[in-house]
Amino acid sequence: MTPVLEWVDVHYRFPASSTPALCGATLRLEAGQRTVLLGRNGAGKSTLLLQANGILRPSRGQVRVAGVPLDYSRRGLQAARRQVGLVFQNPDDQLFSASVAQDISFGPLNLGLSVAEARQRVAAAAARCAITDLLDRPTHALSGGQRTRVALAGVLAMEPRIILADELTSGLDPWIRQQVFAVFNRLVAEGVSVVLASHDLEVARHWADLVAVMDAGRVVAAAPPDHVFADPALRELLGPVAPWGDGVMG
């Protein structure tokens, strides 16, 4: 089967850095797959995600969406971002409109949808993320957990087939965290691929279908969690896994 998203020998160096952020990273994702991207700080996880919908462009290598190389023209990037949605680690990087409803509607309106269609998407995304009661609230008046769910809803309103989430669940209280994973699980059941970059080895061990391990800008392993955590070298790289006990499966 054609992967829904693929990085092929991707290289990238930030302009102000002497060290490459990505050094030939290769990874392929299937439809309806739960993937956790692991690695220490500086391993390249966030940089890899930013390549996936064209926020960053490889200096070498290719990103392919549904088998088609990413087109970096304005029209090509718009098309890619309909399929690949990215939720940033800090929701404040995504929330900029006066109200929650306006913020969630920004993406659908930019797709050229009518106001009525955008409203329908806003309502559906808000319901998924349990934030319907927040739609009229100013974005600056939200708690951290509410901001996270609003940022996620803004991406869901685009109806992408791939959701990339950069450290989305870190720092959330257990109740909000459980809600976010419940949303992820429903999306996967509908055939959407969800990729979570994380330091949380428990989530990788007990929630993921595929664990991709990054080190020094490369994907050094991509396998089911049992295989990854049975590998002594990878366990040494990643550290110990605590017992599962916070109910993130929902």
C-alpha atoms as a PDB file:
ATOM      1  CA  MET A   1       0.000   0.000   0.000  1.00  0.00           C
ATOM      2  CA  THR A   2       1.099   3.562  -0.683  1.00  0.00           C
ATOM      3  CA  PRO A   3       2.045   5.297   2.577  1.00  0.00           C
ATOM      4  CA  VAL A   4      -0.150   8.252   3.530  1.00  0.00           C
ATOM      5  CA  LEU A   5       2.970  10.173   4.519  1.00  0.00           C
ATOM      6  CA  GLU A   6       6.631   9.469   3.860  1.00  0.00           C
ATOM      7  CA  TRP A   7       9.934  11.171   4.571  1.00  0.00           C
ATOM      8  CA  VAL A   8      12.645   9.870   2.236  1.00  0.00           C
ATOM      9  CA  ASP A   9      16.302  10.594   3.095  1.00  0.00           C
ATOM     10  CA  VAL A  10      15.393  14.042   4.436  1.00  0.00           C
ATOM     11  CA  HIS A  11      18.222  16.403   5.367  1.00  0.00           C
ATOM     12  CA  TYR A  12      17.860  19.834   6.957  1.00  0.00           C
ATOM     13  CA  ARG A  13      20.060  22.377   8.718  1.00  0.00           C
ATOM     14  CA  PHE A  14      18.711  25.534  10.360  1.00  0.00           C
ATOM     15  CA  PRO A  15      20.409  28.629   8.892  1.00  0.00           C
ATOM     16  CA  ALA A  16      22.009  29.714  12.170  1.00  0.00           C
ATOM     17  CA  SER A  17      23.191  26.242  13.161  1.00  0.00           C
ATOM     18  CA  SER A  18      26.422  24.435  12.365  1.00  0.00           C
ATOM     19  CA  THR A  19      24.834  21.061  13.233  1.00  0.00           C
ATOM     20  CA  PRO A  20      22.300  19.391  10.910  1.00  0.00           C
ATOM     21  CA  ALA A  21      18.852  18.913  12.439  1.00  0.00           C
ATOM     22  CA  LEU A  22      18.024  16.041  10.078  1.00  0.00           C
ATOM     23  CA  CYS A  23      20.587  13.711   8.501  1.00  0.00           C
ATOM     24  CA  GLY A  24      18.819  11.376   6.085  1.00  0.00           C
ATOM     25  CA  ALA A  25      15.638  10.778   8.091  1.00  0.00           C
ATOM     26  CA  THR A  26      13.369   8.178   6.505  1.00  0.00           C
ATOM     27  CA  LEU A  27       9.957   7.102   7.796  1.00  0.00           C
ATOM     28  CA  ARG A  28       6.696   5.897   6.251  1.00  0.00           C
ATOM     29  CA  LEU A  29       3.240   6.021   7.808  1.00  0.00           C
ATOM     30  CA  GLU A  30       0.126   4.031   6.972  1.00  0.00           C
ATOM     31  CA  ALA A  31      -3.527   5.072   7.070  1.00  0.00           C
ATOM     32  CA  GLY A  32      -5.262   4.744  10.421  1.00  0.00           C
ATOM     33  CA  GLN A  33      -2.006   4.256  12.307  1.00  0.00           C
ATOM     34  CA  ARG A  34      -1.104   5.533  15.778  1.00  0.00           C
ATOM     35  CA  THR A  35       2.543   6.552  15.717  1.00  0.00           C
ATOM     36  CA  VAL A  36       4.651   7.903  18.559  1.00  0.00           C
ATOM     37  CA  LEU A  37       7.877   9.648  17.639  1.00  0.00           C
ATOM     38  CA  LEU A  38      10.454   9.295  20.411  1.00  0.00           C
ATOM     39  CA  GLY A  39      13.881  10.773  20.946  1.00  0.00           C
ATOM     40  CA  ARG A  40      15.849  12.978  23.266  1.00  0.00           C
ATOM     41  CA  ASN A  41      15.805  16.765  22.980  1.00  0.00           C
ATOM     42  CA  GLY A  42      17.560  17.745  19.770  1.00  0.00           C
ATOM     43  CA  ALA A  43      16.993  14.374  18.104  1.00  0.00           C
ATOM     44  CA  GLY A  44      15.011  16.007  15.284  1.00  0.00           C
ATOM     45  CA  LYS A  45      11.388  15.158  16.151  1.00  0.00           C
ATOM     46  CA  SER A  46       9.917  18.653  15.800  1.00  0.00           C
ATOM     47  CA  THR A  47      11.987  19.388  12.697  1.00  0.00           C
ATOM     48  CA  LEU A  48      10.712  16.202  11.050  1.00  0.00           C
ATOM     49  CA  LEU A  49       7.099  17.193  11.720  1.00  0.00           C
ATOM     50  CA  LEU A  50       7.650  20.698  10.363  1.00  0.00           C
ATOM     51  CA  GLN A  51       8.813  19.167   7.072  1.00  0.00           C
ATOM     52  CA  ALA A  52       5.574  17.235   6.668  1.00  0.00           C
ATOM     53  CA  ASN A  53       3.336  20.065   5.490  1.00  0.00           C
ATOM     54  CA  GLY A  54       5.989  22.350   4.097  1.00  0.00           C
ATOM     55  CA  ILE A  55       6.669  24.727   6.969  1.00  0.00           C
ATOM     56  CA  LEU A  56      10.292  23.672   6.490  1.00  0.00           C
ATOM     57  CA  ARG A  57      11.706  22.397   3.207  1.00  0.00           C
ATOM     58  CA  PRO A  58      14.392  19.696   3.035  1.00  0.00           C
ATOM     59  CA  SER A  59      17.791  20.691   1.745  1.00  0.00           C
ATOM     60  CA  ARG A  60      17.943  17.143   0.366  1.00  0.00           C
ATOM     61  CA  GLY A  61      15.460  14.303   0.169  1.00  0.00           C
ATOM     62  CA  GLN A  62      11.693  14.244  -0.278  1.00  0.00           C
ATOM     63  CA  VAL A  63       8.452  14.409   1.647  1.00  0.00           C
ATOM     64  CA  ARG A  64       5.607  12.507  -0.032  1.00  0.00           C
ATOM     65  CA  VAL A  65       1.908  12.781   0.779  1.00  0.00           C
ATOM     66  CA  ALA A  66      -0.122   9.826  -0.519  1.00  0.00           C
ATOM     67  CA  GLY A  67       2.852   8.929  -2.697  1.00  0.00           C
ATOM     68  CA  VAL A  68       3.134  12.374  -4.300  1.00  0.00           C
ATOM     69  CA  PRO A  69       6.204  14.552  -3.600  1.00  0.00           C
ATOM     70  CA  LEU A  70       5.346  17.737  -1.752  1.00  0.00           C
ATOM     71  CA  ASP A  71       4.839  20.705  -4.074  1.00  0.00           C
ATOM     72  CA  TYR A  72       6.201  23.889  -2.475  1.00  0.00           C
ATOM     73  CA  SER A  73       4.207  26.288  -4.618  1.00  0.00           C
ATOM     74  CA  ARG A  74       1.460  28.198  -2.811  1.00  0.00           C
ATOM     75  CA  ARG A  75      -1.220  25.991  -4.324  1.00  0.00           C
ATOM     76  CA  GLY A  76       0.764  22.846  -3.581  1.00  0.00           C
ATOM     77  CA  LEU A  77       1.241  23.759   0.072  1.00  0.00           C
ATOM     78  CA  GLN A  78      -2.444  24.572   0.444  1.00  0.00           C
ATOM     79  CA  ALA A  79      -3.275  21.137  -0.938  1.00  0.00           C
ATOM     80  CA  ALA A  80      -0.797  19.446   1.402  1.00  0.00           C
ATOM     81  CA  ARG A  81      -2.155  21.248   4.437  1.00  0.00           C
ATOM     82  CA  ARG A  82      -5.641  20.000   3.653  1.00  0.00           C
ATOM     83  CA  GLN A  83      -4.293  16.500   4.146  1.00  0.00           C
ATOM     84  CA  VAL A  84      -1.624  17.027   6.819  1.00  0.00           C
ATOM     85  CA  GLY A  85      -2.566  18.963   9.955  1.00  0.00           C
ATOM     86  CA  LEU A  86       0.026  20.033  12.511  1.00  0.00           C
ATOM     87  CA  VAL A  87      -0.700  20.938  16.136  1.00  0.00           C
ATOM     88  CA  PHE A  88       2.210  22.831  17.655  1.00  0.00           C
ATOM     89  CA  GLN A  89       3.709  22.112  21.049  1.00  0.00           C
ATOM     90  CA  ASN A  90       2.705  25.563  22.298  1.00  0.00           C
ATOM     91  CA  PRO A  91      -0.953  26.272  21.408  1.00  0.00           C
ATOM     92  CA  ASP A  92      -0.267  30.015  21.625  1.00  0.00           C
ATOM     93  CA  ASP A  93       1.660  29.621  18.354  1.00  0.00           C
ATOM     94  CA  GLN A  94      -1.674  28.758  16.674  1.00  0.00           C
ATOM     95  CA  LEU A  95      -4.272  30.862  18.474  1.00  0.00           C
ATOM     96  CA  PHE A  96      -4.477  34.421  17.194  1.00  0.00           C
ATOM     97  CA  SER A  97      -8.157  35.276  16.566  1.00  0.00           C
ATOM     98  CA  ALA A  98     -10.361  37.201  18.974  1.00  0.00           C
ATOM     99  CA  SER A  99     -12.680  34.301  19.811  1.00  0.00           C
ATOM    100  CA  VAL A 100     -12.495  30.515  19.813  1.00  0.00           C
ATOM    101  CA  ALA A 101     -15.070  30.217  17.008  1.00  0.00           C
ATOM    102  CA  GLN A 102     -13.163  32.669  14.825  1.00  0.00           C
ATOM    103  CA  ASP A 103      -9.931  30.830  15.423  1.00  0.00           C
ATOM    104  CA  ILE A 104     -11.332  27.418  14.493  1.00  0.00           C
ATOM    105  CA  SER A 105     -13.036  28.857  11.384  1.00  0.00           C
ATOM    106  CA  PHE A 106      -9.825  30.416  10.037  1.00  0.00           C
ATOM    107  CA  GLY A 107      -8.622  27.281   8.243  1.00  0.00           C
ATOM    108  CA  PRO A 108     -11.937  26.294   6.626  1.00  0.00           C
ATOM    109  CA  LEU A 109     -12.541  29.848   5.400  1.00  0.00           C
ATOM    110  CA  ASN A 110      -9.033  29.913   3.906  1.00  0.00           C
ATOM    111  CA  LEU A 111      -9.928  26.739   2.032  1.00  0.00           C
ATOM    112  CA  GLY A 112     -12.615  28.774   0.275  1.00  0.00           C
ATOM    113  CA  LEU A 113     -15.557  27.173   2.061  1.00  0.00           C
ATOM    114  CA  SER A 114     -18.731  29.172   2.508  1.00  0.00           C
ATOM    115  CA  VAL A 115     -19.517  30.724   5.867  1.00  0.00           C
ATOM    116  CA  ALA A 116     -22.239  28.108   6.398  1.00  0.00           C
ATOM    117  CA  GLU A 117     -19.852  25.237   5.621  1.00  0.00           C
ATOM    118  CA  ALA A 118     -17.186  26.733   7.886  1.00  0.00           C
ATOM    119  CA  ARG A 119     -19.699  27.014  10.707  1.00  0.00           C
ATOM    120  CA  GLN A 120     -20.589  23.347  10.300  1.00  0.00           C
ATOM    121  CA  ARG A 121     -16.921  22.384  10.503  1.00  0.00           C
ATOM    122  CA  VAL A 122     -16.397  24.586  13.554  1.00  0.00           C
ATOM    123  CA  ALA A 123     -19.354  22.987  15.317  1.00  0.00           C
ATOM    124  CA  ALA A 124     -18.179  19.461  14.478  1.00  0.00           C
ATOM    125  CA  ALA A 125     -14.564  20.088  15.546  1.00  0.00           C
ATOM    126  CA  ALA A 126     -15.665  21.813  18.755  1.00  0.00           C
ATOM    127  CA  ALA A 127     -17.944  18.898  19.610  1.00  0.00           C
ATOM    128  CA  ARG A 128     -15.126  16.401  19.030  1.00  0.00           C
ATOM    129  CA  CYS A 129     -12.857  18.324  21.388  1.00  0.00           C
ATOM    130  CA  ALA A 130     -15.572  19.005  24.002  1.00  0.00           C
ATOM    131  CA  ILE A 131     -15.218  22.793  23.707  1.00  0.00           C
ATOM    132  CA  THR A 132     -18.654  23.764  22.368  1.00  0.00           C
ATOM    133  CA  ASP A 133     -19.206  25.854  25.488  1.00  0.00           C
ATOM    134  CA  LEU A 134     -16.061  27.864  24.714  1.00  0.00           C
ATOM    135  CA  LEU A 135     -16.888  29.024  21.183  1.00  0.00           C
ATOM    136  CA  ASP A 136     -17.765  32.595  22.191  1.00  0.00           C
ATOM    137  CA  ARG A 137     -14.917  32.937  24.663  1.00  0.00           C
ATOM    138  CA  PRO A 138     -11.863  35.123  23.921  1.00  0.00           C
ATOM    139  CA  THR A 139      -8.813  32.999  23.186  1.00  0.00           C
ATOM    140  CA  HIS A 140      -6.730  34.974  25.686  1.00  0.00           C
ATOM    141  CA  ALA A 141      -9.106  33.927  28.491  1.00  0.00           C
ATOM    142  CA  LEU A 142      -8.538  30.174  28.089  1.00  0.00           C
ATOM    143  CA  SER A 143      -6.692  27.838  30.429  1.00  0.00           C
ATOM    144  CA  GLY A 144      -3.741  25.814  29.145  1.00  0.00           C
ATOM    145  CA  GLY A 145      -5.816  22.674  28.621  1.00  0.00           C
ATOM    146  CA  GLN A 146      -8.539  24.635  26.860  1.00  0.00           C
ATOM    147  CA  ARG A 147      -5.990  26.246  24.554  1.00  0.00           C
ATOM    148  CA  THR A 148      -4.636  22.831  23.637  1.00  0.00           C
ATOM    149  CA  ARG A 149      -8.083  21.553  22.705  1.00  0.00           C
ATOM    150  CA  VAL A 150      -8.897  24.699  20.730  1.00  0.00           C
ATOM    151  CA  ALA A 151      -5.640  24.371  18.778  1.00  0.00           C
ATOM    152  CA  LEU A 152      -6.499  20.727  18.047  1.00  0.00           C
ATOM    153  CA  ALA A 153     -10.033  21.691  16.972  1.00  0.00           C
ATOM    154  CA  GLY A 154      -8.606  24.275  14.572  1.00  0.00           C
ATOM    155  CA  VAL A 155      -6.648  21.532  12.833  1.00  0.00           C
ATOM    156  CA  LEU A 156      -9.567  19.073  12.859  1.00  0.00           C
ATOM    157  CA  ALA A 157     -11.796  21.656  11.168  1.00  0.00           C
ATOM    158  CA  MET A 158      -9.558  21.290   8.097  1.00  0.00           C
ATOM    159  CA  GLU A 159     -10.514  17.575   8.026  1.00  0.00           C
ATOM    160  CA  PRO A 160      -6.973  16.306   7.331  1.00  0.00           C
ATOM    161  CA  ARG A 161      -6.169  12.634   6.849  1.00  0.00           C
ATOM    162  CA  ILE A 162      -3.000  12.933   8.938  1.00  0.00           C
ATOM    163  CA  ILE A 163      -2.689  14.660  12.321  1.00  0.00           C
ATOM    164  CA  LEU A 164       0.779  15.543  13.589  1.00  0.00           C
ATOM    165  CA  ALA A 165       0.971  16.629  17.230  1.00  0.00           C
ATOM    166  CA  ASP A 166       4.195  17.957  18.729  1.00  0.00           C
ATOM    167  CA  GLU A 167       4.330  17.202  22.478  1.00  0.00           C
ATOM    168  CA  LEU A 168       0.611  17.950  22.612  1.00  0.00           C
ATOM    169  CA  THR A 169      -0.150  16.008  25.789  1.00  0.00           C
ATOM    170  CA  SER A 170       2.819  17.080  27.892  1.00  0.00           C
ATOM    171  CA  GLY A 171       1.875  19.108  30.949  1.00  0.00           C
ATOM    172  CA  LEU A 172      -1.869  18.426  30.662  1.00  0.00           C
ATOM    173  CA  ASP A 173      -3.826  17.265  33.675  1.00  0.00           C
ATOM    174  CA  PRO A 174      -4.962  13.612  33.484  1.00  0.00           C
ATOM    175  CA  TRP A 175      -8.599  14.457  32.655  1.00  0.00           C
ATOM    176  CA  ILE A 176      -7.720  16.694  29.678  1.00  0.00           C
ATOM    177  CA  ARG A 177      -5.060  14.219  28.566  1.00  0.00           C
ATOM    178  CA  GLN A 178      -7.627  11.436  28.528  1.00  0.00           C
ATOM    179  CA  GLN A 179      -9.967  13.604  26.443  1.00  0.00           C
ATOM    180  CA  VAL A 180      -7.244  14.295  23.886  1.00  0.00           C
ATOM    181  CA  PHE A 181      -6.420  10.604  23.509  1.00  0.00           C
ATOM    182  CA  ALA A 182     -10.124   9.808  23.170  1.00  0.00           C
ATOM    183  CA  VAL A 183     -10.220  12.232  20.215  1.00  0.00           C
ATOM    184  CA  PHE A 184      -7.129  10.570  18.730  1.00  0.00           C
ATOM    185  CA  ASN A 185      -8.651   7.118  19.084  1.00  0.00           C
ATOM    186  CA  ARG A 186     -11.865   8.140  17.326  1.00  0.00           C
ATOM    187  CA  LEU A 187      -9.859   9.679  14.489  1.00  0.00           C
ATOM    188  CA  VAL A 188      -7.802   6.522  14.045  1.00  0.00           C
ATOM    189  CA  ALA A 189     -10.998   4.449  13.966  1.00  0.00           C
ATOM    190  CA  GLU A 190     -12.084   6.630  11.033  1.00  0.00           C
ATOM    191  CA  GLY A 191      -8.852   5.947   9.144  1.00  0.00           C
ATOM    192  CA  VAL A 192      -6.959   9.104  10.121  1.00  0.00           C
ATOM    193  CA  SER A 193      -3.253   8.673  10.922  1.00  0.00           C
ATOM    194  CA  VAL A 194      -2.117  10.289  14.182  1.00  0.00           C
ATOM    195  CA  VAL A 195       1.537  11.030  14.914  1.00  0.00           C
ATOM    196  CA  LEU A 196       2.518  12.223  18.381  1.00  0.00           C
ATOM    197  CA  ALA A 197       6.042  13.445  19.063  1.00  0.00           C
ATOM    198  CA  SER A 198       6.637  12.763  22.727  1.00  0.00           C
ATOM    199  CA  HIS A 199       9.042  11.985  25.536  1.00  0.00           C
ATOM    200  CA  ASP A 200       6.378   9.827  27.181  1.00  0.00           C
ATOM    201  CA  LEU A 201       7.575   6.238  26.970  1.00  0.00           C
ATOM    202  CA  GLU A 202       4.371   4.953  28.578  1.00  0.00           C
ATOM    203  CA  VAL A 203       2.272   6.341  25.744  1.00  0.00           C
ATOM    204  CA  ALA A 204       4.658   4.867  23.182  1.00  0.00           C
ATOM    205  CA  ARG A 205       4.633   1.464  24.855  1.00  0.00           C
ATOM    206  CA  HIS A 206       0.913   1.151  25.473  1.00  0.00           C
ATOM    207  CA  TRP A 207      -0.882   3.331  22.907  1.00  0.00           C
ATOM    208  CA  ALA A 208       1.125   3.358  19.677  1.00  0.00           C
ATOM    209  CA  ASP A 209       0.852   0.936  16.769  1.00  0.00           C
ATOM    210  CA  LEU A 210       4.256   2.134  15.545  1.00  0.00           C
ATOM    211  CA  VAL A 211       7.114   3.636  17.537  1.00  0.00           C
ATOM    212  CA  ALA A 212       9.667   5.633  15.584  1.00  0.00           C
ATOM    213  CA  VAL A 213      12.878   6.417  17.455  1.00  0.00           C
ATOM    214  CA  MET A 214      15.030   9.372  16.425  1.00  0.00           C
ATOM    215  CA  ASP A 215      18.635  10.075  17.320  1.00  0.00           C
ATOM    216  CA  ALA A 216      20.956  12.732  15.890  1.00  0.00           C
ATOM    217  CA  GLY A 217      18.582  13.629  13.059  1.00  0.00           C
ATOM    218  CA  ARG A 218      17.900  10.068  11.896  1.00  0.00           C
ATOM    219  CA  VAL A 219      15.090   7.591  12.393  1.00  0.00           C
ATOM    220  CA  VAL A 220      17.055   4.732  13.923  1.00  0.00           C
ATOM    221  CA  ALA A 221      14.076   2.407  14.434  1.00  0.00           C
ATOM    222  CA  ALA A 222      10.441   2.181  13.356  1.00  0.00           C
ATOM    223  CA  ALA A 223       8.591  -0.870  14.630  1.00  0.00           C
ATOM    224  CA  PRO A 224       5.738  -2.004  16.877  1.00  0.00           C
ATOM    225  CA  PRO A 225       6.334  -1.023  20.513  1.00  0.00           C
ATOM    226  CA  ASP A 226       7.066  -4.554  21.714  1.00  0.00           C
ATOM    227  CA  HIS A 227       9.931  -4.798  19.233  1.00  0.00           C
ATOM    228  CA  VAL A 228      11.331  -1.380  20.095  1.00  0.00           C
ATOM    229  CA  PHE A 229      11.265  -1.857  23.858  1.00  0.00           C
ATOM    230  CA  ALA A 230      12.715  -5.366  23.603  1.00  0.00           C
ATOM    231  CA  ASP A 231      15.828  -3.994  21.895  1.00  0.00           C
ATOM    232  CA  PRO A 232      18.558  -3.406  24.524  1.00  0.00           C
ATOM    233  CA  ALA A 233      20.274  -0.649  22.516  1.00  0.00           C
ATOM    234  CA  LEU A 234      17.013   1.261  22.054  1.00  0.00           C
ATOM    235  CA  ARG A 235      16.069   0.795  25.701  1.00  0.00           C
ATOM    236  CA  GLU A 236      19.410   2.260  26.696  1.00  0.00           C
ATOM    237  CA  LEU A 237      18.822   5.198  24.352  1.00  0.00           C
ATOM    238  CA  LEU A 238      15.272   5.821  25.566  1.00  0.00           C
ATOM    239  CA  GLY A 239      15.463   4.948  29.270  1.00  0.00           C
ATOM    240  CA  PRO A 240      13.107   2.912  31.476  1.00  0.00           C
ATOM    241  CA  VAL A 241       9.360   2.619  30.878  1.00  0.00           C
ATOM    242  CA  ALA A 242       7.134   3.150  33.903  1.00  0.00           C
ATOM    243  CA  PRO A 243       4.008   1.026  34.477  1.00  0.00           C
ATOM    244  CA  TRP A 244       0.909   2.061  32.565  1.00  0.00           C
ATOM    245  CA  GLY A 245      -1.711   3.560  34.823  1.00  0.00           C
ATOM    246  CA  ASP A 246      -3.215   6.883  33.776  1.00  0.00           C
ATOM    247  CA  GLY A 247      -6.026   5.679  31.535  1.00  0.00           C
ATOM    248  CA  VAL A 248      -5.107   7.596  28.403  1.00  0.00           C
ATOM    249  CA  MET A 249      -6.836   5.054  26.205  1.00  0.00           C
ATOM    250  CA  GLY A 250     -10.182   6.544  27.264  1.00  0.00           C
END
